[in-house]
Protein backbone atom coordinates (compact mmCIF):
# COMPACT_ATOMS: atom_id res chain seq x y z
CA UNK A 1 0.06 0.12 0.17
CA UNK A 2 1.40 3.33 -1.12
CA UNK A 3 2.22 5.78 1.62
CA UNK A 4 2.02 9.61 1.08
CA UNK A 5 5.64 10.75 3.52
CA UNK A 6 5.40 14.41 2.52
CA UNK A 7 4.48 17.24 0.53
CA UNK A 8 6.85 20.61 -0.07
CA UNK A 9 6.24 23.47 -2.71
CA UNK A 10 9.44 25.53 -3.43
CA UNK A 11 9.68 28.33 -6.10
CA UNK A 12 7.59 26.91 -8.41
CA UNK A 13 7.38 23.28 -8.04
CA UNK A 14 5.29 21.61 -5.66
CA UNK A 15 6.65 17.67 -4.81
CA UNK A 16 5.21 14.95 -3.83
CA UNK A 17 6.96 11.78 -2.58
CA UNK A 18 5.32 8.44 -1.75
CA UNK A 19 7.24 5.23 -0.96
CA UNK A 20 6.84 2.14 -3.66
CA UNK A 21 7.68 -1.17 -2.21
CA UNK A 22 10.37 0.57 -1.15
CA UNK A 23 11.35 3.02 -3.59
CA UNK A 24 10.47 6.93 -2.79
CA UNK A 25 8.55 8.16 -6.13
CA UNK A 26 9.10 11.81 -6.28
CA UNK A 27 5.90 14.38 -8.49
CA UNK A 28 6.23 17.52 -9.29
CA UNK A 29 3.76 19.60 -10.20
CA UNK A 30 2.66 23.60 -10.83
CA UNK A 31 2.41 25.71 -7.36
CA UNK A 32 -0.59 27.64 -7.39
CA UNK A 33 -1.10 31.18 -9.46
CA UNK A 34 0.89 33.97 -8.12
CA UNK A 35 -1.60 36.64 -6.61
CA UNK A 36 -1.64 40.07 -9.21
CA UNK A 37 -2.06 43.48 -7.94
CA UNK A 38 -4.70 45.58 -9.18
CA UNK A 39 -2.13 47.24 -11.67
CA UNK A 40 -1.49 44.02 -12.99
CA UNK A 41 -5.16 43.32 -13.56
CA UNK A 42 -5.50 46.66 -14.85
CA UNK A 43 -3.04 46.24 -17.22
CA UNK A 44 -3.81 43.13 -17.84
CA UNK A 45 -7.90 43.80 -19.24
CA UNK A 46 -6.46 46.81 -20.58
CA UNK A 47 -4.11 45.35 -23.43
CA UNK A 48 -7.27 43.03 -24.78
CA UNK A 49 -9.58 46.04 -24.58
CA UNK A 50 -10.16 47.28 -28.34
CA UNK A 51 -11.26 50.38 -26.93
CA UNK A 52 -8.12 51.38 -25.16
CA UNK A 53 -6.40 50.14 -28.35
CA UNK A 54 -7.63 52.89 -29.90
CA UNK A 55 -7.91 55.75 -27.92
CA UNK A 56 -4.40 55.19 -27.01
CA UNK A 57 -2.80 55.08 -30.44
CA UNK A 58 -4.91 58.65 -31.53
CA UNK A 59 -3.60 59.87 -28.47
CA UNK A 60 0.46 58.56 -28.99
CA UNK A 61 -0.53 60.65 -32.75
CA UNK A 62 -1.56 63.48 -31.44
CA UNK A 63 0.69 63.64 -28.52
CA UNK A 64 3.37 63.18 -31.91
CA UNK A 65 1.90 65.94 -33.43
CA UNK A 66 2.02 68.77 -31.16
CA UNK A 67 5.62 67.38 -29.96
CA UNK A 68 7.70 67.44 -33.72
CA UNK A 69 4.55 68.81 -36.47
CA UNK A 70 7.25 69.32 -38.00
CA UNK A 71 7.17 66.03 -39.29
CA UNK A 72 3.87 66.34 -41.13
CA UNK A 73 3.29 69.44 -42.26
CA UNK A 74 6.96 72.26 -43.54
CA UNK A 75 4.05 74.82 -44.49
CA UNK A 76 3.79 77.40 -42.26
CA UNK A 77 0.14 78.08 -40.16
CA UNK A 78 0.81 81.79 -40.01
CA UNK A 79 1.99 82.64 -43.37
CA UNK A 80 -1.05 83.24 -45.77
CA UNK A 81 -1.56 84.50 -49.74
CA UNK A 82 -4.93 86.39 -50.33
CA UNK A 83 -4.21 86.88 -53.98
CA UNK A 84 -3.00 82.34 -54.95
CA UNK A 85 -4.87 81.65 -51.86
CA UNK A 86 -8.04 82.52 -50.66
CA UNK A 87 -10.35 80.45 -49.39
CA UNK A 88 -9.19 78.23 -51.82
CA UNK A 89 -11.19 74.57 -51.70
CA UNK A 90 -9.47 71.26 -50.47
CA UNK A 91 -7.61 69.18 -53.17
CA UNK A 92 -8.23 65.93 -51.63
CA UNK A 93 -5.81 64.05 -53.34
CA UNK A 94 -2.77 65.45 -52.15
CA UNK A 95 -2.13 63.98 -49.25
CA UNK A 96 -0.66 65.86 -46.69
CA UNK A 97 -0.05 68.43 -48.25
CA UNK A 98 -0.78 72.48 -48.04
CA UNK A 99 -3.41 72.73 -50.00
CA UNK A 100 -4.42 68.50 -48.73
CA UNK A 101 -7.96 70.75 -46.54
CA UNK A 102 -7.73 73.35 -48.60
CA UNK A 103 -6.99 77.33 -47.32
CA UNK A 104 -9.07 80.14 -45.19
CA UNK A 105 -9.89 83.58 -45.01
CA UNK A 106 -6.85 84.61 -45.01
CA UNK A 107 -4.46 82.07 -47.35
CA UNK A 108 -3.81 79.96 -44.85
CA UNK A 109 -2.76 76.19 -44.82
CA UNK A 110 -5.60 74.46 -43.13
CA UNK A 111 -3.56 71.71 -43.44
CA UNK A 112 -0.56 73.04 -41.34
CA UNK A 113 -3.18 74.81 -38.85
CA UNK A 114 -4.42 71.82 -37.85
CA UNK A 115 -1.38 70.08 -37.05
CA UNK A 116 -0.32 72.98 -35.66
CA UNK A 117 -3.56 73.98 -33.57
CA UNK A 118 -2.46 70.08 -31.71
CA UNK A 119 0.26 71.63 -29.52
CA UNK A 120 -1.10 75.07 -27.50
CA UNK A 121 -4.72 72.38 -27.64
CA UNK A 122 -2.95 69.50 -25.82
CA UNK A 123 -0.70 71.51 -23.50
CA UNK A 124 -3.30 73.18 -22.06
CA UNK A 125 -4.98 69.99 -21.66
CA UNK A 126 -2.40 67.81 -20.13
CA UNK A 127 -0.97 70.11 -18.08
CA UNK A 128 -4.25 71.38 -16.99
CA UNK A 129 -5.36 67.50 -15.49
CA UNK A 130 -1.33 67.59 -13.89
CA UNK A 131 -2.40 70.72 -11.79
CA UNK A 132 -5.96 70.13 -10.98
CA UNK A 133 -4.72 66.51 -10.11
CA UNK A 134 -2.18 67.44 -7.97
CA UNK A 135 -4.55 70.24 -5.81
CA UNK A 136 -6.96 68.48 -5.94
CA UNK A 137 -5.48 65.10 -4.66
CA UNK A 138 -3.28 66.78 -1.97
CA UNK A 139 -5.98 68.70 -0.35
CA UNK A 140 -8.70 65.57 -0.72
CA UNK A 141 -5.95 63.65 1.29
CA UNK A 142 -5.28 66.04 4.13
CA UNK A 143 -9.62 66.68 4.19
CA UNK A 144 -9.41 62.81 4.00
CA UNK A 145 -7.35 61.49 6.48
CA UNK A 146 -7.68 64.43 9.26
CA UNK A 147 -11.52 64.70 9.76
CA UNK A 148 -12.87 67.08 11.61
CA UNK A 149 -12.28 70.54 11.92
CA UNK A 150 -9.97 70.51 9.09
CA UNK A 151 -12.37 67.98 6.40
CA UNK A 152 -14.89 70.69 7.61
CA UNK A 153 -12.78 73.79 6.13
CA UNK A 154 -11.64 71.73 3.78
CA UNK A 155 -14.88 71.07 1.89
CA UNK A 156 -17.03 74.49 2.51
CA UNK A 157 -14.04 75.18 0.42
CA UNK A 158 -14.20 73.27 -2.08
CA UNK A 159 -18.07 73.27 -2.06
CA UNK A 160 -17.53 76.92 -3.49
CA UNK A 161 -15.43 76.43 -5.72
CA UNK A 162 -17.76 73.44 -6.67
CA UNK A 163 -20.37 75.99 -7.43
CA UNK A 164 -18.98 78.55 -9.69
CA UNK A 165 -20.11 78.15 -13.13
CA UNK A 166 -17.00 76.39 -15.42
CA UNK A 167 -16.68 78.03 -18.31
CA UNK A 168 -18.29 81.45 -16.74
CA UNK A 169 -15.72 81.53 -14.18
CA UNK A 170 -13.31 81.08 -16.64
CA UNK A 171 -14.07 83.75 -19.02
CA UNK A 172 -14.34 85.83 -16.08
CA UNK A 173 -10.84 85.34 -15.28
CA UNK A 174 -9.63 85.13 -18.62
CA UNK A 175 -11.04 88.90 -19.53
CA UNK A 176 -9.42 89.84 -16.91
CA UNK A 177 -5.77 89.91 -18.56
CA UNK A 178 -5.13 91.78 -21.58
CA UNK A 179 -2.72 89.20 -23.45
CA UNK A 180 -4.51 85.32 -23.05
CA UNK A 181 -1.80 83.10 -23.68
CA UNK A 182 -1.50 79.55 -22.93
CA UNK A 183 -0.38 79.59 -20.07
CA UNK A 184 -2.96 82.20 -19.08
CA UNK A 185 -5.65 79.44 -20.67
CA UNK A 186 -4.15 76.41 -18.45
CA UNK A 187 -4.01 78.72 -14.64
CA UNK A 188 -7.64 80.12 -15.11
CA UNK A 189 -8.76 76.51 -15.99
CA UNK A 190 -6.82 74.78 -13.03
CA UNK A 191 -8.07 77.20 -10.18
CA UNK A 192 -11.48 76.22 -11.02
CA UNK A 193 -10.77 72.74 -12.58
CA UNK A 194 -9.52 70.87 -9.03
CA UNK A 195 -12.89 70.57 -7.76
CA UNK A 196 -14.22 67.17 -8.56
CA UNK A 197 -10.41 65.35 -7.88
CA UNK A 198 -10.50 66.71 -3.99
CA UNK A 199 -14.05 65.32 -4.39
CA UNK A 200 -13.04 62.19 -5.46
CA UNK A 201 -9.34 61.49 -3.56
CA UNK A 202 -11.49 62.53 -0.22
CA UNK A 203 -13.33 59.60 -0.77
CA UNK A 204 -10.78 57.17 -1.95
CA UNK A 205 -9.04 57.80 1.41
CA UNK A 206 -11.49 57.84 4.05
CA UNK A 207 -11.89 54.02 2.44
CA UNK A 208 -8.37 53.60 2.51
CA UNK A 209 -7.82 54.80 5.97
CA UNK A 210 -10.58 52.29 7.74
CA UNK A 211 -8.23 49.11 6.21
CA UNK A 212 -6.55 46.71 8.48
CA UNK A 213 -3.25 47.52 7.28
CA UNK A 214 -3.50 51.27 7.95
CA UNK A 215 -4.60 50.65 11.14
CA UNK A 216 -2.04 48.28 11.93
CA UNK A 217 0.67 50.69 10.61
CA UNK A 218 -0.12 53.44 12.78
CA UNK A 219 -0.30 50.58 15.93
CA UNK A 220 3.70 50.14 14.68
CA UNK A 221 3.87 53.51 14.85
CA UNK A 222 4.26 54.89 11.28
CA UNK A 223 5.02 58.24 11.20
CA UNK A 224 1.39 60.26 9.81
CA UNK A 225 4.06 61.01 6.41
CA UNK A 226 4.53 57.22 5.40
CA UNK A 227 1.50 56.42 6.40
CA UNK A 228 -0.19 58.50 3.63
CA UNK A 229 2.47 57.98 0.59
CA UNK A 230 3.84 54.48 1.75
CA UNK A 231 -0.11 52.56 2.44
CA UNK A 232 -3.12 55.28 1.25
CA UNK A 233 -1.71 57.24 -1.85
CA UNK A 234 -1.26 54.01 -4.00
CA UNK A 235 -3.99 53.04 -2.62
CA UNK A 236 -6.34 55.50 -2.59
CA UNK A 237 -4.99 56.37 -6.39
CA UNK A 238 -6.87 54.67 -9.12
CA UNK A 239 -10.43 55.99 -8.80
CA UNK A 240 -8.59 59.74 -9.00
CA UNK A 241 -6.20 58.74 -12.22
CA UNK A 242 -10.22 57.47 -13.76
CA UNK A 243 -11.79 60.34 -13.45
CA UNK A 244 -8.22 62.36 -14.21
CA UNK A 245 -8.26 60.65 -17.25
CA UNK A 246 -11.96 61.82 -18.41
CA UNK A 247 -11.53 64.85 -17.35
CA UNK A 248 -8.72 65.82 -19.54
CA UNK A 249 -10.38 65.90 -22.88
CA UNK A 250 -13.12 68.21 -20.63
CA UNK A 251 -10.41 70.78 -20.53
CA UNK A 252 -8.65 69.92 -23.96
CA UNK A 253 -13.14 71.06 -24.87
CA UNK A 254 -13.29 73.97 -22.75
CA UNK A 255 -9.89 75.62 -24.39
CA UNK A 256 -11.34 75.49 -27.74
CA UNK A 257 -14.71 76.87 -27.00
CA UNK A 258 -13.52 79.91 -24.99
CA UNK A 259 -11.26 80.02 -27.76
CA UNK A 260 -14.02 79.79 -29.84
CA UNK A 261 -15.96 83.08 -28.25
CA UNK A 262 -12.76 85.13 -28.73
CA UNK A 263 -12.18 84.90 -24.78
CA UNK A 264 -9.29 82.23 -24.44
CA UNK A 265 -5.94 81.87 -26.33
CA UNK A 266 -6.07 84.72 -29.23
CA UNK A 267 -3.86 85.12 -32.55
CA UNK A 268 -0.50 84.72 -32.98
CA UNK A 269 -1.39 81.00 -31.39
CA UNK A 270 -2.36 78.52 -33.32
CA UNK A 271 -5.60 76.48 -32.22
CA UNK A 272 -8.58 74.64 -33.28
CA UNK A 273 -11.01 76.92 -31.35
CA UNK A 274 -9.82 79.87 -32.92
CA UNK A 275 -9.88 78.00 -36.71
CA UNK A 276 -13.10 76.98 -36.08
CA UNK A 277 -14.11 80.53 -33.75
CA UNK A 278 -13.10 82.44 -38.10
CA UNK A 279 -14.85 79.45 -39.98
CA UNK A 280 -18.12 79.90 -38.48
CA UNK A 281 -17.97 83.50 -40.67
CA UNK A 282 -17.53 81.29 -44.22
CA UNK A 283 -20.16 78.59 -42.94
CA UNK A 284 -21.79 79.19 -46.07
CA UNK A 285 -19.62 79.77 -48.41
CA UNK A 286 -16.39 77.73 -47.10
CA UNK A 287 -17.76 74.92 -44.82
CA UNK A 288 -14.06 73.51 -44.62
CA UNK A 289 -13.45 76.14 -42.68
CA UNK A 290 -14.85 75.59 -39.76
CA UNK A 291 -15.85 71.56 -39.48
CA UNK A 292 -12.05 70.39 -40.10
CA UNK A 293 -10.74 71.93 -36.99
CA UNK A 294 -14.25 71.13 -35.47
CA UNK A 295 -13.67 67.35 -36.55
CA UNK A 296 -9.80 67.33 -35.15
CA UNK A 297 -11.43 68.62 -31.62
CA UNK A 298 -14.23 66.14 -31.60
CA UNK A 299 -11.16 63.41 -32.30
CA UNK A 300 -8.38 64.52 -29.64
CA UNK A 301 -11.74 65.50 -26.66
CA UNK A 302 -13.32 61.69 -27.84
CA UNK A 303 -9.90 59.64 -27.61
CA UNK A 304 -9.38 61.21 -23.94
CA UNK A 305 -12.56 59.87 -22.91
CA UNK A 306 -12.82 56.68 -24.60
CA UNK A 307 -9.16 56.32 -22.98
CA UNK A 308 -10.52 57.51 -19.73
CA UNK A 309 -13.79 55.18 -19.97
CA UNK A 310 -11.40 51.66 -20.18
CA UNK A 311 -9.06 52.78 -17.92
CA UNK A 312 -12.52 52.95 -15.27
CA UNK A 313 -13.18 49.68 -16.48
CA UNK A 314 -10.16 48.26 -15.91
CA UNK A 315 -9.66 48.99 -12.07
CA UNK A 316 -12.88 49.46 -11.24
CA UNK A 317 -13.88 45.68 -9.92
CA UNK A 318 -17.19 46.32 -9.18
CA UNK A 319 -17.20 46.47 -13.46
CA UNK A 320 -15.28 43.01 -13.78
């Protein structure tokens, strides 16, 4: 009768030894699968999500356009020729040529302005998102971790800013500046846009700080800074990242809206919002002047919304 005498697990192999007719026989088998973290599971799901792949490719293309517009066109977005190119229609057969999308009312290449206009929109969107994530995340962590008077004070300040209409408040701020450059628009949007991140961060920190590992770290005498940076921040970061990625597209749309209204970016800055505003005046005679930059704004906003939606589905266990 065989007798099982030992069962051990070393590395990735489980060894089982039995005595059969006086001879020891060892059988090896795979060990149980190693547990994966939330981020590993999220990356595993994202790689298999077509929505994430498509949006990532579009975002990568837009970032390359913003960083190196010279790779796509050598034409100037500011030089115009009213004599030869006044509202010249698109030449759809000339791919990547200056006249591919036609010319605007000042004789400037629409294709060149579409390529160079990506820099302002992408810069505003990404920079504002980084700033509101830092500001809102920091204030939300303080309010959620300490609670009490600090929580009440920061929550009331957040409510005050949250009650200000976003676009209306940005319009009031921007009209107080004579020169509305990119950094002015960034500061105006960041000044009003951190409230949602702060609320999400506060709720996430309140949930995480009640976990057993945080209570154990506090009982072992860990400092407040170590608890917040090593235990709370990594575990409260997921919902903040989800909200930030989704909001990024909204900031790009807000910049285009303000520029369209004549309150955001102004010449000589090249912006899709400015082009949409100029094209609106020629919607009857040359609708392509309006439609092409509008399509670029829509594609950009949609790409970041799709990206944020895919990240949310990957990081939220309830949606698995």
